[in-house]
Amino acid sequence: MAEPVTVVALGDSLTAGYGLADASQGLVPVLEGWLRARGHDVVVQNAGVSGDTTAGGLARIGWALGPEAEALVVTLGGNDLLRGIDPAESRRNLDGILKEAAARNLPVLLVAMKAPGNFGPDYKAAFDAMYGELAGQYGALLAEDFFEGLRAAGADPSDPASLAAWMQADGLHPNAEGVRLIVEALGPKVEDLLARVEK
């Protein structure tokens, strides 16, 4: 009997499932259920830590990737944005995470965050560009926007009112229905990631 594929989801509160009434409503269990429903024998490990920045992710990547890890999903950058951290610093941290995954021959899906306009156009351009550039540099898969599923449902992340139906009261974290829509959009990218795992 073949062992299930182990995918590590490295992220922040969006990965950890912050604020949801039931842990089963979080991104990781919903994603695992979505993949299993499509016939994939997979375990998704939750390596999400609320409040984590890209620096936090880099600091713990070594132990977050246990010996059983066979693929990595990286969802970091949201807290860097909230703190206005220099995109060059965020980029260096993500580079370090991807370098560690490459050293272990792990395929990676890098999930991008989009910067709001409040730090200015130069900040937004630098931040938004780094994900695609790093994915290209390391041959990683790219999901261009964590909130793509909400956009597809008609939400505009620059307009908080349009997001309200899918977000918790804090306006930052998706509710259970928001998580479901995010997984619907992200799931096919994770299927592409699984296809890169050598069994």
Protein backbone atom coordinates (compact mmCIF):
# COMPACT_ATOMS: atom_id res chain seq x y z
CA MET A 1 0.00 0.00 0.00
CA ALA A 2 1.56 3.28 -1.10
CA GLU A 3 1.98 6.00 1.49
CA PRO A 4 0.02 9.22 0.95
CA VAL A 5 1.90 12.20 -0.45
CA THR A 6 2.79 14.67 2.31
CA VAL A 7 2.43 18.33 1.40
CA VAL A 8 3.59 20.98 3.91
CA ALA A 9 1.64 24.25 3.88
CA LEU A 10 3.94 26.97 5.21
CA GLY A 11 2.10 30.17 5.99
CA ASP A 12 0.55 32.58 8.46
CA SER A 13 -2.93 32.96 9.96
CA LEU A 14 -4.53 32.49 6.52
CA THR A 15 -3.02 29.00 6.45
CA ALA A 16 -3.48 28.32 10.16
CA GLY A 17 -7.25 28.89 9.97
CA TYR A 18 -7.38 31.88 12.31
CA GLY A 19 -10.74 32.91 13.74
CA LEU A 20 -12.86 30.09 12.32
CA ALA A 21 -15.44 28.44 14.59
CA ASP A 22 -14.20 24.96 13.77
CA ALA A 23 -10.65 23.88 12.90
CA SER A 24 -12.07 21.71 10.11
CA GLN A 25 -13.09 24.91 8.26
CA GLY A 26 -9.47 26.05 7.86
CA LEU A 27 -7.55 26.20 4.61
CA VAL A 28 -5.48 23.07 5.23
CA PRO A 29 -8.27 20.58 6.13
CA VAL A 30 -10.55 21.99 3.42
CA LEU A 31 -7.76 21.72 0.83
CA GLU A 32 -6.92 18.17 1.91
CA GLY A 33 -10.61 17.22 1.65
CA TRP A 34 -10.86 18.84 -1.78
CA LEU A 35 -7.85 16.88 -3.03
CA ARG A 36 -9.01 13.59 -1.53
CA ALA A 37 -12.45 14.03 -3.09
CA ARG A 38 -10.65 14.13 -6.43
CA GLY A 39 -8.86 10.86 -5.79
CA HIS A 40 -5.52 12.11 -4.47
CA ASP A 41 -3.98 10.14 -1.59
CA VAL A 42 -2.54 13.13 0.19
CA VAL A 43 -1.88 14.55 3.65
CA VAL A 44 -1.58 18.33 3.95
CA GLN A 45 0.37 19.38 7.04
CA ASN A 46 -0.55 22.70 8.63
CA ALA A 47 2.63 24.73 9.13
CA GLY A 48 0.71 27.99 9.44
CA VAL A 49 1.58 30.29 12.34
CA SER A 50 -0.62 33.33 12.97
CA GLY A 51 1.32 36.58 12.72
CA ASP A 52 4.18 35.02 10.80
CA THR A 53 6.11 37.11 8.29
CA THR A 54 8.35 35.81 5.54
CA ALA A 55 11.20 36.15 8.07
CA GLY A 56 9.33 33.88 10.48
CA GLY A 57 8.75 31.35 7.73
CA LEU A 58 12.43 31.35 6.83
CA ALA A 59 13.42 30.94 10.48
CA ARG A 60 11.38 27.76 10.83
CA ILE A 61 11.54 26.23 7.35
CA GLY A 62 14.24 23.78 8.43
CA TRP A 63 12.08 22.06 11.02
CA ALA A 64 8.74 22.69 9.29
CA LEU A 65 9.95 20.39 6.54
CA GLY A 66 10.11 17.01 8.27
CA PRO A 67 11.67 13.98 6.59
CA GLU A 68 8.24 12.96 5.26
CA ALA A 69 7.71 16.23 3.34
CA GLU A 70 7.38 15.67 -0.40
CA ALA A 71 6.06 19.05 -1.58
CA LEU A 72 5.72 22.57 -0.21
CA VAL A 73 3.04 25.24 -0.50
CA VAL A 74 4.25 28.70 0.59
CA THR A 75 1.62 31.29 1.53
CA LEU A 76 3.52 34.13 3.16
CA GLY A 77 3.72 37.88 2.74
CA GLY A 78 0.41 39.12 4.14
CA ASN A 79 1.93 40.19 7.45
CA ASP A 80 4.88 41.77 5.66
CA LEU A 81 2.30 43.92 3.88
CA LEU A 82 0.48 44.85 7.07
CA ARG A 83 3.79 46.02 8.57
CA GLY A 84 5.07 47.77 5.45
CA ILE A 85 8.24 45.65 5.39
CA ASP A 86 10.63 46.47 2.55
CA PRO A 87 9.82 44.15 -0.39
CA ALA A 88 13.56 43.55 -0.83
CA GLU A 89 13.63 41.99 2.64
CA SER A 90 10.52 39.91 1.97
CA ARG A 91 12.07 38.75 -1.27
CA ARG A 92 15.30 37.67 0.46
CA ASN A 93 13.30 35.64 2.96
CA LEU A 94 11.20 33.92 0.30
CA ASP A 95 14.39 33.26 -1.65
CA GLY A 96 15.82 31.51 1.42
CA ILE A 97 12.70 29.36 1.79
CA LEU A 98 12.80 28.34 -1.88
CA LYS A 99 16.53 27.63 -1.63
CA GLU A 100 15.90 25.25 1.29
CA ALA A 101 13.16 23.46 -0.67
CA ALA A 102 15.44 23.18 -3.71
CA ALA A 103 18.20 21.69 -1.56
CA ARG A 104 15.73 18.95 -0.60
CA ASN A 105 14.45 18.51 -4.17
CA LEU A 106 10.92 19.46 -3.11
CA PRO A 107 8.51 20.85 -5.68
CA VAL A 108 7.01 24.16 -4.53
CA LEU A 109 3.81 26.10 -5.12
CA LEU A 110 4.36 29.77 -4.27
CA VAL A 111 1.08 31.54 -3.49
CA ALA A 112 1.28 35.28 -4.09
CA MET A 113 -0.24 38.10 -2.09
CA LYS A 114 -1.13 41.39 -3.75
CA ALA A 115 0.01 44.64 -2.13
CA PRO A 116 -2.59 47.34 -1.53
CA GLY A 117 -1.88 50.79 -2.93
CA ASN A 118 -1.40 52.53 0.40
CA PHE A 119 2.41 52.19 0.43
CA GLY A 120 2.66 53.76 -3.03
CA PRO A 121 3.05 52.42 -6.57
CA ASP A 122 6.76 51.58 -6.26
CA TYR A 123 6.17 49.42 -3.19
CA LYS A 124 3.24 47.65 -4.85
CA ALA A 125 5.18 47.02 -8.06
CA ALA A 126 8.18 45.58 -6.19
CA PHE A 127 6.09 43.44 -3.86
CA ASP A 128 3.73 42.07 -6.50
CA ALA A 129 6.58 41.23 -8.89
CA MET A 130 8.71 39.22 -6.48
CA TYR A 131 6.53 36.12 -6.43
CA GLY A 132 6.56 35.55 -10.18
CA GLU A 133 10.27 36.36 -10.43
CA LEU A 134 11.21 33.94 -7.66
CA ALA A 135 8.94 31.21 -9.02
CA GLY A 136 10.68 31.59 -12.38
CA GLN A 137 14.13 31.58 -10.79
CA TYR A 138 13.47 28.35 -8.86
CA GLY A 139 11.16 26.60 -11.30
CA ALA A 140 8.34 26.73 -8.76
CA LEU A 141 4.66 26.75 -9.57
CA LEU A 142 2.89 30.07 -9.02
CA ALA A 143 -0.60 30.89 -7.82
CA GLU A 144 -0.86 34.55 -8.69
CA ASP A 145 -3.28 35.64 -5.96
CA PHE A 146 -4.24 33.93 -2.70
CA PHE A 147 -7.67 35.55 -2.94
CA GLU A 148 -8.28 34.54 -6.56
CA GLY A 149 -11.31 32.49 -5.54
CA LEU A 150 -12.95 35.55 -4.05
CA ARG A 151 -12.20 37.62 -7.15
CA ALA A 152 -13.80 34.89 -9.24
CA ALA A 153 -16.91 35.18 -7.08
CA GLY A 154 -17.09 38.90 -7.84
CA ALA A 155 -15.18 40.43 -4.92
CA ASP A 156 -12.72 43.27 -5.39
CA PRO A 157 -10.00 43.06 -2.69
CA SER A 158 -9.49 46.84 -2.93
CA ASP A 159 -13.15 47.31 -1.90
CA PRO A 160 -13.72 45.84 1.59
CA ALA A 161 -17.51 46.06 1.21
CA SER A 162 -17.43 43.67 -1.74
CA LEU A 163 -15.45 41.16 0.34
CA ALA A 164 -17.73 41.26 3.37
CA ALA A 165 -19.77 38.17 2.50
CA TRP A 166 -16.66 35.99 2.51
CA MET A 167 -14.61 37.57 5.29
CA GLN A 168 -14.65 37.51 9.07
CA ALA A 169 -15.50 40.72 10.93
CA ASP A 170 -11.81 41.78 10.97
CA GLY A 171 -11.87 42.11 7.17
CA LEU A 172 -8.53 40.26 6.91
CA HIS A 173 -9.37 36.58 7.29
CA PRO A 174 -11.82 34.54 5.21
CA ASN A 175 -14.86 32.93 6.80
CA ALA A 176 -15.73 29.30 6.12
CA GLU A 177 -17.39 30.11 2.78
CA GLY A 178 -14.44 32.31 1.82
CA VAL A 179 -12.03 29.45 2.55
CA ARG A 180 -14.11 27.14 0.37
CA LEU A 181 -13.91 29.57 -2.57
CA ILE A 182 -10.17 30.08 -2.07
CA VAL A 183 -9.61 26.32 -2.12
CA GLU A 184 -11.74 25.92 -5.27
CA ALA A 185 -9.33 28.28 -7.07
CA LEU A 186 -6.13 27.07 -5.40
CA GLY A 187 -6.87 23.34 -5.54
CA PRO A 188 -6.01 22.81 -9.23
CA LYS A 189 -2.62 24.45 -8.63
CA VAL A 190 -1.97 22.01 -5.79
CA GLU A 191 -2.95 19.17 -8.13
CA ASP A 192 -0.27 20.44 -10.52
CA LEU A 193 2.15 20.40 -7.57
CA LEU A 194 1.25 16.79 -6.73
CA ALA A 195 1.97 15.84 -10.34
CA ARG A 196 5.57 16.95 -9.75
CA VAL A 197 6.09 14.65 -6.77
CA GLU A 198 8.24 11.66 -7.64
CA LYS A 199 6.85 8.50 -6.09
